[in-house]
Amino acid sequence: MKNIRVAVIDDHPLFREGVIRSLRECPGLEIVAEGGSRDDAITAAETHAPDVMLMDISMPGNGLRAIEAVLEKQPEAKIVMLTVSEAGDDLARAVRLGAKGYLLKGIGSQGLAEVVKTVAAGQSYIAPSLSAHLVETFARATQAKVDPLAELTPREMEVLRLVASGMSNKRIAIALDLHEKTIKHHMTRIFSKLNVSNRTEAALALHEARSGRSAEGLEAPAI
């Protein structure tokens, strides 16, 4: 069976070295890259294409801001945030941006290895102690009736605008200097966030927002 390729990005060298050492002792796991910043995460994704990337939030460039950039370079990457932050907003934002896991740094080495394998297999994992925080945060957002377009990242909004202008995925990829599979990844997330099933419905959602209307007849911000 092929090893799971792992990258560890954390700006605390002693902690990072400890994580790397413990994971190297686990059969089936291979460390292919390490670093301590958002830029290092992007480079690791582009150069080494890890299956799973462990990232801290509090590092130069911000780990949350690194999620979208990493997924642009490697849409198949599975990102797990390994952090001390128990804030519901950090957790919710990480999930919205595409992270597949969220762990606290107090996790043991065996538990961490199991989570890496779980996420690599295509499942998501959130520290059990934080699950309630995620539910509460999403519930508040629902009660506030947040404009669904507000859930899109800046890149997703850029892609959606080009879709609404009638451009194909291939032409969008050329215009943004990205791979076509990256555009497809963005489209999948756009459809999910807007709760639509095709490009026409997505373009309509943008048109309604520009017209100052939402699907529920609520006032929406101008785009």
N, C-alpha and C. Protein backbone atom coordinates (compact mmCIF):
# COMPACT_ATOMS: atom_id res chain seq x y z
N MET A 1 0.84 -1.20 0.00
CA MET A 1 0.00 0.00 0.00
C MET A 1 0.88 1.26 0.00
N LYS A 2 0.48 2.25 -0.77
CA LYS A 2 1.25 3.48 -0.88
C LYS A 2 1.21 4.27 0.42
N ASN A 3 2.36 4.83 0.80
CA ASN A 3 2.41 5.65 2.00
C ASN A 3 1.58 6.92 1.84
N ILE A 4 1.07 7.43 2.96
CA ILE A 4 0.37 8.72 2.98
C ILE A 4 1.43 9.80 3.11
N ARG A 5 1.47 10.71 2.14
CA ARG A 5 2.48 11.77 2.12
C ARG A 5 1.98 12.96 2.93
N VAL A 6 2.79 13.37 3.91
CA VAL A 6 2.36 14.39 4.87
C VAL A 6 3.32 15.57 4.88
N ALA A 7 2.76 16.78 4.98
CA ALA A 7 3.55 18.00 5.18
C ALA A 7 3.15 18.59 6.53
N VAL A 8 4.12 19.11 7.26
CA VAL A 8 3.88 19.70 8.57
C VAL A 8 4.32 21.16 8.54
N ILE A 9 3.36 22.07 8.71
CA ILE A 9 3.67 23.51 8.64
C ILE A 9 3.31 24.15 9.98
N ASP A 10 4.34 24.54 10.73
CA ASP A 10 4.16 25.17 12.05
C ASP A 10 5.40 26.00 12.34
N ASP A 11 5.20 27.22 12.85
CA ASP A 11 6.34 28.12 13.03
C ASP A 11 7.09 27.92 14.34
N HIS A 12 6.70 26.92 15.14
CA HIS A 12 7.44 26.59 16.35
C HIS A 12 8.31 25.36 16.07
N PRO A 13 9.62 25.55 15.86
CA PRO A 13 10.49 24.44 15.43
C PRO A 13 10.44 23.22 16.34
N LEU A 14 10.45 23.42 17.66
CA LEU A 14 10.45 22.27 18.56
C LEU A 14 9.16 21.46 18.44
N PHE A 15 8.03 22.15 18.35
CA PHE A 15 6.76 21.44 18.19
C PHE A 15 6.72 20.73 16.86
N ARG A 16 7.14 21.43 15.79
CA ARG A 16 7.13 20.84 14.45
C ARG A 16 8.01 19.59 14.41
N GLU A 17 9.19 19.69 15.00
CA GLU A 17 10.10 18.54 15.00
C GLU A 17 9.51 17.36 15.76
N GLY A 18 8.80 17.68 16.87
CA GLY A 18 8.16 16.60 17.64
C GLY A 18 7.07 15.91 16.84
N VAL A 19 6.26 16.68 16.13
CA VAL A 19 5.20 16.10 15.29
C VAL A 19 5.81 15.23 14.19
N ILE A 20 6.83 15.75 13.54
CA ILE A 20 7.48 15.00 12.46
C ILE A 20 8.07 13.70 12.98
N ARG A 21 8.75 13.79 14.13
CA ARG A 21 9.38 12.59 14.69
C ARG A 21 8.34 11.52 15.05
N SER A 22 7.23 11.95 15.63
CA SER A 22 6.21 10.98 16.03
C SER A 22 5.52 10.35 14.82
N LEU A 23 5.27 11.16 13.78
CA LEU A 23 4.61 10.62 12.60
C LEU A 23 5.52 9.69 11.81
N ARG A 24 6.82 9.97 11.83
CA ARG A 24 7.77 9.10 11.12
C ARG A 24 7.82 7.71 11.73
N GLU A 25 7.44 7.61 12.98
CA GLU A 25 7.46 6.30 13.65
C GLU A 25 6.21 5.48 13.34
N CYS A 26 5.26 6.10 12.63
CA CYS A 26 4.00 5.42 12.31
C CYS A 26 4.07 4.77 10.93
N PRO A 27 3.88 3.49 10.83
CA PRO A 27 3.89 2.81 9.52
C PRO A 27 2.84 3.40 8.59
N GLY A 28 3.21 3.58 7.33
CA GLY A 28 2.27 4.07 6.34
C GLY A 28 2.28 5.57 6.16
N LEU A 29 3.03 6.29 6.99
CA LEU A 29 3.10 7.75 6.88
C LEU A 29 4.50 8.17 6.44
N GLU A 30 4.56 9.13 5.54
CA GLU A 30 5.84 9.63 5.03
C GLU A 30 5.83 11.16 5.06
N ILE A 31 6.80 11.76 5.73
CA ILE A 31 6.92 13.21 5.78
C ILE A 31 7.65 13.68 4.52
N VAL A 32 6.99 14.52 3.73
CA VAL A 32 7.59 14.96 2.46
C VAL A 32 7.97 16.44 2.47
N ALA A 33 7.45 17.20 3.46
CA ALA A 33 7.78 18.62 3.50
C ALA A 33 7.48 19.18 4.88
N GLU A 34 8.16 20.27 5.21
CA GLU A 34 7.89 20.97 6.46
C GLU A 34 8.14 22.46 6.25
N GLY A 35 7.62 23.28 7.15
CA GLY A 35 7.82 24.71 7.03
C GLY A 35 7.16 25.43 8.18
N GLY A 36 7.23 26.78 8.14
CA GLY A 36 6.72 27.54 9.26
C GLY A 36 5.91 28.76 8.89
N SER A 37 5.40 28.83 7.66
CA SER A 37 4.65 30.02 7.24
C SER A 37 3.66 29.68 6.13
N ARG A 38 2.81 30.66 5.83
CA ARG A 38 1.86 30.50 4.72
C ARG A 38 2.61 30.26 3.41
N ASP A 39 3.68 31.00 3.18
CA ASP A 39 4.45 30.82 1.95
C ASP A 39 5.04 29.42 1.87
N ASP A 40 5.51 28.90 3.02
CA ASP A 40 6.06 27.54 3.04
C ASP A 40 4.98 26.52 2.70
N ALA A 41 3.76 26.76 3.18
CA ALA A 41 2.65 25.85 2.90
C ALA A 41 2.35 25.81 1.40
N ILE A 42 2.34 26.99 0.79
CA ILE A 42 2.06 27.08 -0.65
C ILE A 42 3.15 26.37 -1.45
N THR A 43 4.41 26.60 -1.06
CA THR A 43 5.53 25.96 -1.74
C THR A 43 5.47 24.45 -1.59
N ALA A 44 5.14 23.98 -0.39
CA ALA A 44 5.05 22.54 -0.15
C ALA A 44 3.96 21.91 -1.02
N ALA A 45 2.83 22.60 -1.13
CA ALA A 45 1.73 22.08 -1.95
C ALA A 45 2.13 21.99 -3.42
N GLU A 46 2.79 23.03 -3.89
CA GLU A 46 3.17 23.10 -5.30
C GLU A 46 4.30 22.15 -5.64
N THR A 47 5.25 22.00 -4.73
CA THR A 47 6.46 21.23 -5.02
C THR A 47 6.33 19.75 -4.68
N HIS A 48 5.65 19.44 -3.55
CA HIS A 48 5.64 18.07 -3.06
C HIS A 48 4.28 17.38 -3.14
N ALA A 49 3.21 18.14 -3.37
CA ALA A 49 1.85 17.56 -3.49
C ALA A 49 1.55 16.54 -2.39
N PRO A 50 1.60 16.97 -1.11
CA PRO A 50 1.29 16.03 -0.02
C PRO A 50 -0.17 15.61 -0.05
N ASP A 51 -0.43 14.41 0.46
CA ASP A 51 -1.81 13.95 0.58
C ASP A 51 -2.53 14.69 1.71
N VAL A 52 -1.81 14.89 2.80
CA VAL A 52 -2.36 15.57 3.97
C VAL A 52 -1.38 16.65 4.42
N MET A 53 -1.92 17.83 4.73
CA MET A 53 -1.08 18.91 5.23
C MET A 53 -1.58 19.34 6.61
N LEU A 54 -0.70 19.26 7.60
CA LEU A 54 -1.00 19.73 8.94
C LEU A 54 -0.53 21.17 9.04
N MET A 55 -1.42 22.09 9.45
CA MET A 55 -1.06 23.52 9.49
C MET A 55 -1.55 24.17 10.78
N ASP A 56 -0.71 25.03 11.32
CA ASP A 56 -1.11 25.86 12.46
C ASP A 56 -1.88 27.07 11.94
N ILE A 57 -2.67 27.70 12.81
CA ILE A 57 -3.35 28.94 12.43
C ILE A 57 -2.43 30.13 12.67
N SER A 58 -1.84 30.19 13.88
CA SER A 58 -1.01 31.34 14.27
C SER A 58 0.42 31.16 13.78
N MET A 59 0.62 31.50 12.52
CA MET A 59 1.97 31.46 11.95
C MET A 59 2.07 32.61 10.95
N PRO A 60 3.28 32.99 10.55
CA PRO A 60 3.43 34.08 9.59
C PRO A 60 2.59 33.87 8.34
N GLY A 61 1.78 34.86 8.00
CA GLY A 61 0.92 34.74 6.83
C GLY A 61 -0.46 34.22 7.17
N ASN A 62 -0.63 33.65 8.36
CA ASN A 62 -1.89 33.12 8.87
C ASN A 62 -2.29 31.81 8.19
N GLY A 63 -2.44 30.77 9.01
CA GLY A 63 -2.80 29.46 8.49
C GLY A 63 -4.15 29.41 7.81
N LEU A 64 -5.12 30.18 8.32
CA LEU A 64 -6.43 30.19 7.68
C LEU A 64 -6.34 30.77 6.28
N ARG A 65 -5.54 31.83 6.11
CA ARG A 65 -5.37 32.44 4.80
C ARG A 65 -4.62 31.51 3.85
N ALA A 66 -3.91 30.55 4.41
CA ALA A 66 -3.14 29.63 3.56
C ALA A 66 -4.02 28.55 2.94
N ILE A 67 -5.18 28.29 3.54
CA ILE A 67 -6.01 27.17 3.07
C ILE A 67 -6.38 27.31 1.60
N GLU A 68 -6.96 28.44 1.24
CA GLU A 68 -7.40 28.64 -0.15
C GLU A 68 -6.22 28.62 -1.11
N ALA A 69 -5.11 29.26 -0.70
CA ALA A 69 -3.93 29.30 -1.57
C ALA A 69 -3.37 27.90 -1.81
N VAL A 70 -3.35 27.08 -0.77
CA VAL A 70 -2.86 25.70 -0.91
C VAL A 70 -3.77 24.90 -1.84
N LEU A 71 -5.08 25.05 -1.67
CA LEU A 71 -6.02 24.29 -2.50
C LEU A 71 -6.01 24.74 -3.95
N GLU A 72 -5.58 25.96 -4.20
CA GLU A 72 -5.42 26.40 -5.59
C GLU A 72 -4.25 25.66 -6.24
N LYS A 73 -3.19 25.45 -5.48
CA LYS A 73 -2.03 24.75 -6.01
C LYS A 73 -2.27 23.25 -6.10
N GLN A 74 -3.00 22.72 -5.13
CA GLN A 74 -3.25 21.28 -5.10
C GLN A 74 -4.67 21.02 -4.58
N PRO A 75 -5.66 21.04 -5.47
CA PRO A 75 -7.06 20.86 -5.06
C PRO A 75 -7.34 19.57 -4.30
N GLU A 76 -6.52 18.54 -4.54
CA GLU A 76 -6.76 17.25 -3.89
C GLU A 76 -6.20 17.19 -2.47
N ALA A 77 -5.43 18.19 -2.07
CA ALA A 77 -4.82 18.17 -0.74
C ALA A 77 -5.88 18.18 0.35
N LYS A 78 -5.62 17.45 1.42
CA LYS A 78 -6.53 17.42 2.56
C LYS A 78 -5.82 18.14 3.71
N ILE A 79 -6.39 19.26 4.11
CA ILE A 79 -5.76 20.12 5.10
C ILE A 79 -6.37 19.88 6.48
N VAL A 80 -5.48 19.73 7.46
CA VAL A 80 -5.90 19.57 8.85
C VAL A 80 -5.25 20.69 9.67
N MET A 81 -6.08 21.50 10.32
CA MET A 81 -5.54 22.55 11.17
C MET A 81 -5.18 21.94 12.52
N LEU A 82 -3.94 22.17 12.95
CA LEU A 82 -3.43 21.67 14.24
C LEU A 82 -3.06 22.90 15.05
N THR A 83 -3.88 23.28 16.01
CA THR A 83 -3.80 24.59 16.61
C THR A 83 -4.17 24.58 18.09
N VAL A 84 -3.94 25.71 18.76
CA VAL A 84 -4.38 25.87 20.14
C VAL A 84 -5.71 26.62 20.20
N SER A 85 -6.16 27.14 19.06
CA SER A 85 -7.38 27.95 19.03
C SER A 85 -8.63 27.10 19.15
N GLU A 86 -9.43 27.40 20.18
CA GLU A 86 -10.71 26.73 20.36
C GLU A 86 -11.87 27.65 19.95
N ALA A 87 -11.55 28.77 19.31
CA ALA A 87 -12.58 29.74 18.91
C ALA A 87 -13.49 29.15 17.84
N GLY A 88 -14.79 29.25 18.07
CA GLY A 88 -15.75 28.73 17.11
C GLY A 88 -15.63 29.39 15.75
N ASP A 89 -15.30 30.69 15.73
CA ASP A 89 -15.17 31.41 14.45
C ASP A 89 -14.00 30.87 13.65
N ASP A 90 -12.87 30.57 14.31
CA ASP A 90 -11.72 30.00 13.61
C ASP A 90 -12.07 28.64 13.03
N LEU A 91 -12.74 27.83 13.83
CA LEU A 91 -13.14 26.50 13.38
C LEU A 91 -14.08 26.58 12.18
N ALA A 92 -15.10 27.42 12.29
CA ALA A 92 -16.08 27.55 11.21
C ALA A 92 -15.42 28.07 9.94
N ARG A 93 -14.54 29.05 10.08
CA ARG A 93 -13.88 29.61 8.90
C ARG A 93 -12.99 28.57 8.23
N ALA A 94 -12.27 27.78 9.04
CA ALA A 94 -11.42 26.74 8.47
C ALA A 94 -12.23 25.75 7.66
N VAL A 95 -13.39 25.34 8.19
CA VAL A 95 -14.25 24.39 7.49
C VAL A 95 -14.79 25.00 6.21
N ARG A 96 -15.25 26.26 6.29
CA ARG A 96 -15.78 26.93 5.09
C ARG A 96 -14.73 27.05 4.00
N LEU A 97 -13.49 27.29 4.39
CA LEU A 97 -12.42 27.47 3.40
C LEU A 97 -11.94 26.16 2.79
N GLY A 98 -12.31 25.04 3.41
CA GLY A 98 -11.96 23.76 2.81
C GLY A 98 -11.14 22.81 3.65
N ALA A 99 -10.84 23.16 4.90
CA ALA A 99 -10.09 22.25 5.76
C ALA A 99 -10.91 20.99 6.04
N LYS A 100 -10.26 19.85 6.06
CA LYS A 100 -10.95 18.58 6.31
C LYS A 100 -10.82 18.13 7.76
N GLY A 101 -9.98 18.82 8.54
CA GLY A 101 -9.82 18.44 9.93
C GLY A 101 -9.45 19.64 10.78
N TYR A 102 -9.74 19.54 12.07
CA TYR A 102 -9.42 20.63 13.00
C TYR A 102 -9.10 19.97 14.33
N LEU A 103 -7.84 20.07 14.75
CA LEU A 103 -7.37 19.41 15.97
C LEU A 103 -6.73 20.41 16.91
N LEU A 104 -6.75 20.08 18.20
CA LEU A 104 -6.04 20.89 19.19
C LEU A 104 -4.67 20.26 19.45
N LYS A 105 -3.71 21.09 19.78
CA LYS A 105 -2.33 20.62 19.91
C LYS A 105 -2.09 19.66 21.08
N GLY A 106 -3.08 19.51 21.93
CA GLY A 106 -2.93 18.57 23.02
C GLY A 106 -3.11 17.12 22.62
N ILE A 107 -3.45 16.87 21.37
CA ILE A 107 -3.68 15.49 20.92
C ILE A 107 -2.38 14.68 20.99
N GLY A 108 -2.51 13.40 21.33
CA GLY A 108 -1.35 12.52 21.41
C GLY A 108 -0.88 12.07 20.04
N SER A 109 0.33 11.52 20.01
CA SER A 109 0.93 11.13 18.73
C SER A 109 0.13 10.04 18.03
N GLN A 110 -0.36 9.05 18.77
CA GLN A 110 -1.13 7.98 18.16
C GLN A 110 -2.45 8.51 17.61
N GLY A 111 -3.09 9.39 18.39
CA GLY A 111 -4.35 9.98 17.94
C GLY A 111 -4.16 10.82 16.69
N LEU A 112 -3.06 11.57 16.64
CA LEU A 112 -2.76 12.39 15.47
C LEU A 112 -2.57 11.52 14.23
N ALA A 113 -1.83 10.45 14.38
CA ALA A 113 -1.60 9.55 13.25
C ALA A 113 -2.91 8.96 12.74
N GLU A 114 -3.80 8.60 13.65
CA GLU A 114 -5.09 8.04 13.25
C GLU A 114 -5.93 9.07 12.50
N VAL A 115 -5.88 10.32 12.96
CA VAL A 115 -6.63 11.37 12.26
C VAL A 115 -6.08 11.58 10.86
N VAL A 116 -4.76 11.59 10.73
CA VAL A 116 -4.14 11.76 9.41
C VAL A 116 -4.62 10.65 8.47
N LYS A 117 -4.66 9.43 8.95
CA LYS A 117 -5.11 8.31 8.12
C LYS A 117 -6.61 8.43 7.79
N THR A 118 -7.39 8.89 8.77
CA THR A 118 -8.83 9.05 8.55
C THR A 118 -9.10 10.10 7.48
N VAL A 119 -8.42 11.23 7.58
CA VAL A 119 -8.62 12.31 6.61
C VAL A 119 -8.10 11.91 5.23
N ALA A 120 -6.96 11.22 5.19
CA ALA A 120 -6.41 10.76 3.92
C ALA A 120 -7.38 9.82 3.21
N ALA A 121 -8.18 9.10 3.99
CA ALA A 121 -9.15 8.16 3.42
C ALA A 121 -10.41 8.84 2.91
N GLY A 122 -10.47 10.18 3.08
CA GLY A 122 -11.60 10.92 2.54
C GLY A 122 -12.63 11.38 3.55
N GLN A 123 -12.39 11.12 4.83
CA GLN A 123 -13.34 11.54 5.86
C GLN A 123 -12.87 12.85 6.51
N SER A 124 -13.79 13.53 7.15
CA SER A 124 -13.46 14.75 7.89
C SER A 124 -13.36 14.41 9.37
N TYR A 125 -12.63 15.27 10.10
CA TYR A 125 -12.49 15.03 11.54
C TYR A 125 -12.37 16.35 12.28
N ILE A 126 -13.20 16.53 13.29
CA ILE A 126 -13.13 17.69 14.16
C ILE A 126 -12.99 17.20 15.58
N ALA A 127 -12.09 17.80 16.34
CA ALA A 127 -11.91 17.41 17.74
C ALA A 127 -13.26 17.37 18.43
N PRO A 128 -13.61 16.26 19.07
CA PRO A 128 -14.93 16.11 19.69
C PRO A 128 -15.30 17.26 20.62
N SER A 129 -14.32 17.80 21.33
CA SER A 129 -14.61 18.89 22.27
C SER A 129 -15.02 20.17 21.57
N LEU A 130 -14.79 20.25 20.24
CA LEU A 130 -15.10 21.47 19.50
C LEU A 130 -16.35 21.36 18.65
N SER A 131 -16.93 20.19 18.55
CA SER A 131 -18.09 19.99 17.68
C SER A 131 -19.24 20.93 18.04
N ALA A 132 -19.47 21.12 19.34
CA ALA A 132 -20.57 21.99 19.77
C ALA A 132 -20.31 23.43 19.33
N HIS A 133 -19.03 23.86 19.37
CA HIS A 133 -18.69 25.21 18.93
C HIS A 133 -19.07 25.41 17.47
N LEU A 134 -18.81 24.39 16.65
CA LEU A 134 -19.11 24.50 15.22
C LEU A 134 -20.61 24.61 14.99
N VAL A 135 -21.38 23.78 15.67
CA VAL A 135 -22.84 23.83 15.53
C VAL A 135 -23.37 25.20 15.94
N GLU A 136 -22.88 25.72 17.06
CA GLU A 136 -23.35 27.03 17.55
C GLU A 136 -23.01 28.14 16.56
N THR A 137 -21.81 28.10 16.02
CA THR A 137 -21.38 29.15 15.10
C THR A 137 -22.21 29.14 13.83
N PHE A 138 -22.45 27.95 13.26
CA PHE A 138 -23.26 27.87 12.05
C PHE A 138 -24.71 28.24 12.34
N ALA A 139 -25.19 27.90 13.55
CA ALA A 139 -26.56 28.26 13.91
C ALA A 139 -26.72 29.77 13.97
N ARG A 140 -25.73 30.47 14.53
CA ARG A 140 -25.79 31.92 14.59
C ARG A 140 -25.82 32.52 13.19
N ALA A 141 -25.03 31.95 12.30
CA ALA A 141 -24.99 32.46 10.92
C ALA A 141 -26.34 32.26 10.23
N THR A 142 -26.97 31.11 10.50
CA THR A 142 -28.27 30.83 9.90
C THR A 142 -29.33 31.79 10.42
N GLN A 143 -29.31 32.02 11.72
CA GLN A 143 -30.28 32.92 12.33
C GLN A 143 -30.13 34.35 11.80
N ALA A 144 -28.88 34.73 11.51
CA ALA A 144 -28.62 36.07 11.00
C ALA A 144 -28.96 36.19 9.51
N LYS A 145 -29.31 35.04 8.87
CA LYS A 145 -29.65 35.02 7.45
C LYS A 145 -28.58 35.70 6.61
N VAL A 146 -27.36 35.20 6.80
CA VAL A 146 -26.23 35.75 6.08
C VAL A 146 -26.39 35.53 4.58
N ASP A 147 -26.09 36.55 3.78
CA ASP A 147 -26.13 36.44 2.33
C ASP A 147 -25.21 35.30 1.92
N PRO A 148 -25.70 34.30 1.17
CA PRO A 148 -24.84 33.16 0.80
C PRO A 148 -23.60 33.58 0.03
N LEU A 149 -23.68 34.70 -0.70
CA LEU A 149 -22.49 35.15 -1.42
C LEU A 149 -21.39 35.57 -0.46
N ALA A 150 -21.76 35.93 0.76
CA ALA A 150 -20.77 36.33 1.74
C ALA A 150 -19.92 35.14 2.19
N GLU A 151 -20.41 33.92 1.92
CA GLU A 151 -19.65 32.73 2.28
C GLU A 151 -18.53 32.44 1.28
N LEU A 152 -18.59 33.05 0.11
CA LEU A 152 -17.59 32.78 -0.91
C LEU A 152 -16.28 33.49 -0.59
N THR A 153 -15.18 32.82 -0.91
CA THR A 153 -13.87 33.45 -0.76
C THR A 153 -13.67 34.44 -1.90
N PRO A 154 -12.71 35.35 -1.79
CA PRO A 154 -12.45 36.30 -2.88
C PRO A 154 -12.20 35.60 -4.22
N ARG A 155 -11.47 34.50 -4.21
CA ARG A 155 -11.20 33.78 -5.46
C ARG A 155 -12.48 33.17 -6.01
N GLU A 156 -13.31 32.61 -5.14
CA GLU A 156 -14.57 32.02 -5.60
C GLU A 156 -15.48 33.09 -6.20
N MET A 157 -15.49 34.29 -5.61
CA MET A 157 -16.28 35.38 -6.17
C MET A 157 -15.76 35.76 -7.55
N GLU A 158 -14.44 35.77 -7.70
CA GLU A 158 -13.83 36.10 -8.99
C GLU A 158 -14.24 35.08 -10.05
N VAL A 159 -14.20 33.80 -9.67
CA VAL A 159 -14.60 32.73 -10.60
C VAL A 159 -16.08 32.87 -10.94
N LEU A 160 -16.92 33.14 -9.93
CA LEU A 160 -18.35 33.26 -10.17
C LEU A 160 -18.66 34.41 -11.12
N ARG A 161 -17.99 35.52 -10.97
CA ARG A 161 -18.23 36.66 -11.87
C ARG A 161 -17.90 36.28 -13.32
N LEU A 162 -16.83 35.51 -13.51
CA LEU A 162 -16.45 35.10 -14.86
C LEU A 162 -17.44 34.08 -15.41
N VAL A 163 -17.94 33.20 -14.54
CA VAL A 163 -18.97 32.26 -14.96
C VAL A 163 -20.21 33.02 -15.43
N ALA A 164 -20.59 34.04 -14.65
CA ALA A 164 -21.77 34.84 -14.99
C ALA A 164 -21.59 35.60 -16.30
N SER A 165 -20.34 35.86 -16.67
CA SER A 165 -20.08 36.56 -17.93
C SER A 165 -20.13 35.62 -19.13
N GLY A 166 -20.29 34.31 -18.84
CA GLY A 166 -20.44 33.34 -19.91
C GLY A 166 -19.18 32.56 -20.26
N MET A 167 -18.13 32.70 -19.47
CA MET A 167 -16.87 32.02 -19.78
C MET A 167 -16.90 30.56 -19.35
N SER A 168 -16.25 29.70 -20.11
CA SER A 168 -16.13 28.29 -19.78
C SER A 168 -15.04 28.11 -18.72
N ASN A 169 -15.00 26.91 -18.11
CA ASN A 169 -13.94 26.63 -17.13
C ASN A 169 -12.56 26.80 -17.74
N LYS A 170 -12.41 26.36 -18.99
CA LYS A 170 -11.11 26.43 -19.64
C LYS A 170 -10.68 27.88 -19.83
N ARG A 171 -11.61 28.72 -20.26
CA ARG A 171 -11.28 30.14 -20.47
C ARG A 171 -11.01 30.84 -19.15
N ILE A 172 -11.75 30.46 -18.10
CA ILE A 172 -11.52 31.05 -16.78
C ILE A 172 -10.13 30.67 -16.28
N ALA A 173 -9.75 29.40 -16.48
CA ALA A 173 -8.43 28.94 -16.05
C ALA A 173 -7.33 29.74 -16.73
N ILE A 174 -7.50 30.01 -18.02
CA ILE A 174 -6.51 30.79 -18.76
C ILE A 174 -6.47 32.22 -18.23
N ALA A 175 -7.64 32.80 -18.01
CA ALA A 175 -7.73 34.19 -17.55
C ALA A 175 -7.09 34.38 -16.18
N LEU A 176 -7.23 33.37 -15.29
CA LEU A 176 -6.72 33.48 -13.93
C LEU A 176 -5.37 32.79 -13.74
N ASP A 177 -4.85 32.22 -14.84
CA ASP A 177 -3.57 31.52 -14.80
C ASP A 177 -3.59 30.38 -13.78
N LEU A 178 -4.66 29.57 -13.84
CA LEU A 178 -4.82 28.43 -12.96
C LEU A 178 -5.08 27.17 -13.79
N HIS A 179 -4.96 26.01 -13.16
CA HIS A 179 -5.29 24.76 -13.84
C HIS A 179 -6.81 24.64 -13.95
N GLU A 180 -7.28 23.99 -15.01
CA GLU A 180 -8.72 23.82 -15.19
C GLU A 180 -9.32 23.00 -14.04
N LYS A 181 -8.56 22.03 -13.51
CA LYS A 181 -9.08 21.24 -12.40
C LYS A 181 -9.26 22.10 -11.15
N THR A 182 -8.46 23.14 -11.03
CA THR A 182 -8.62 24.06 -9.90
C THR A 182 -9.92 24.83 -10.03
N ILE A 183 -10.25 25.25 -11.24
CA ILE A 183 -11.52 25.94 -11.48
C ILE A 183 -12.69 25.01 -11.16
N LYS A 184 -12.59 23.76 -11.56
CA LYS A 184 -13.64 22.79 -11.26
C LYS A 184 -13.81 22.64 -9.74
N HIS A 185 -12.69 22.65 -9.02
CA HIS A 185 -12.73 22.58 -7.56
C HIS A 185 -13.48 23.78 -7.00
N HIS A 186 -13.16 24.97 -7.51
CA HIS A 186 -13.85 26.18 -7.05
C HIS A 186 -15.34 26.10 -7.36
N MET A 187 -15.70 25.61 -8.54
CA MET A 187 -17.10 25.53 -8.92
C MET A 187 -17.87 24.59 -7.99
N THR A 188 -17.26 23.48 -7.62
CA THR A 188 -17.91 22.54 -6.71
C THR A 188 -18.22 23.24 -5.38
N ARG A 189 -17.28 24.01 -4.87
CA ARG A 189 -17.48 24.71 -3.60
C ARG A 189 -18.50 25.84 -3.76
N ILE A 190 -18.49 26.52 -4.89
CA ILE A 190 -19.47 27.59 -5.14
C ILE A 190 -20.89 27.00 -5.16
N PHE A 191 -21.08 25.90 -5.89
CA PHE A 191 -22.40 25.26 -5.95
C PHE A 191 -22.87 24.88 -4.55
N SER A 192 -21.95 24.32 -3.75
CA SER A 192 -22.31 23.87 -2.41
C SER A 192 -22.70 25.06 -1.52
N LYS A 193 -21.92 26.12 -1.57
CA LYS A 193 -22.18 27.28 -0.70
C LYS A 193 -23.45 28.02 -1.10
N LEU A 194 -23.74 28.07 -2.39
CA LEU A 194 -24.93 28.78 -2.87
C LEU A 194 -26.16 27.87 -2.91
N ASN A 195 -25.94 26.58 -2.65
CA ASN A 195 -27.02 25.59 -2.70
C ASN A 195 -27.69 25.58 -4.08
N VAL A 196 -26.85 25.54 -5.12
CA VAL A 196 -27.34 25.45 -6.49
C VAL A 196 -26.73 24.22 -7.14
N SER A 197 -27.26 23.85 -8.31
CA SER A 197 -26.80 22.62 -8.94
C SER A 197 -26.13 22.83 -10.30
N ASN A 198 -26.15 24.06 -10.81
CA ASN A 198 -25.52 24.27 -12.10
C ASN A 198 -25.04 25.72 -12.25
N ARG A 199 -24.36 25.98 -13.36
CA ARG A 199 -23.76 27.29 -13.59
C ARG A 199 -24.82 28.39 -13.77
N THR A 200 -25.94 28.03 -14.40
CA THR A 200 -26.99 29.02 -14.62
C THR A 200 -27.57 29.52 -13.30
N GLU A 201 -27.82 28.58 -12.37
CA GLU A 201 -28.36 28.97 -11.07
C GLU A 201 -27.36 29.80 -10.28
N ALA A 202 -26.07 29.47 -10.42
CA ALA A 202 -25.03 30.23 -9.72
C ALA A 202 -24.97 31.66 -10.26
N ALA A 203 -25.04 31.79 -11.58
CA ALA A 203 -25.02 33.12 -12.20
C ALA A 203 -26.25 33.92 -11.79
N LEU A 204 -27.38 33.24 -11.66
CA LEU A 204 -28.61 33.91 -11.25
C LEU A 204 -28.49 34.44 -9.83
N ALA A 205 -27.85 33.65 -8.95
CA ALA A 205 -27.66 34.09 -7.57
C ALA A 205 -26.83 35.37 -7.53
N LEU A 206 -25.81 35.44 -8.38
CA LEU A 206 -24.99 36.64 -8.44
C LEU A 206 -25.81 37.82 -8.98
N HIS A 207 -26.60 37.57 -10.01
CA HIS A 207 -27.44 38.62 -10.60
C HIS A 207 -28.42 39.18 -9.57
N GLU A 208 -29.03 38.29 -8.78
CA GLU A 208 -29.98 38.73 -7.76
C GLU A 208 -29.30 39.60 -6.71
N ALA A 209 -28.07 39.23 -6.34
CA ALA A 209 -27.33 40.02 -5.36
C ALA A 209 -27.02 41.40 -5.92
N ARG A 210 -26.64 41.43 -7.19
CA ARG A 210 -26.33 42.71 -7.83
C ARG A 210 -27.57 43.58 -7.94
N SER A 211 -28.71 42.94 -8.05
CA SER A 211 -29.96 43.68 -8.17
C SER A 211 -30.52 44.10 -6.82
N GLY A 212 -29.82 43.70 -5.75
CA GLY A 212 -30.26 44.06 -4.41
C GLY A 212 -31.32 43.15 -3.86
N ARG A 213 -31.43 41.90 -4.45
CA ARG A 213 -32.43 40.95 -3.99
C ARG A 213 -31.75 39.64 -3.66
N SER A 214 -32.22 38.94 -2.67
CA SER A 214 -31.78 37.58 -2.39
C SER A 214 -32.93 36.65 -2.74
N ALA A 215 -32.69 35.37 -2.71
CA ALA A 215 -33.73 34.40 -3.04
C ALA A 215 -34.91 34.49 -2.09
N GLU A 216 -34.69 35.00 -0.86
CA GLU A 216 -35.79 35.12 0.10
C GLU A 216 -36.44 36.49 0.05
N GLY A 217 -36.01 37.34 -0.86
CA GLY A 217 -36.58 38.68 -0.95
C GLY A 217 -35.97 39.64 0.04
N LEU A 218 -34.81 39.27 0.64
CA LEU A 218 -34.14 40.14 1.58
C LEU A 218 -33.19 41.05 0.85
N GLU A 219 -32.89 42.16 1.47
CA GLU A 219 -31.96 43.10 0.86
C GLU A 219 -30.56 42.49 0.87
N ALA A 220 -29.84 42.54 -0.22
CA ALA A 220 -28.50 41.97 -0.31
C ALA A 220 -27.53 43.08 -0.67
N PRO A 221 -26.27 42.94 -0.22
CA PRO A 221 -25.30 43.97 -0.51
C PRO A 221 -24.95 44.03 -1.98
N ALA A 222 -24.65 45.19 -2.48
CA ALA A 222 -24.23 45.34 -3.89
C ALA A 222 -22.89 44.70 -4.08
N ILE A 223 -22.69 44.09 -5.23
CA ILE A 223 -21.42 43.43 -5.56
C ILE A 223 -20.59 44.35 -6.45
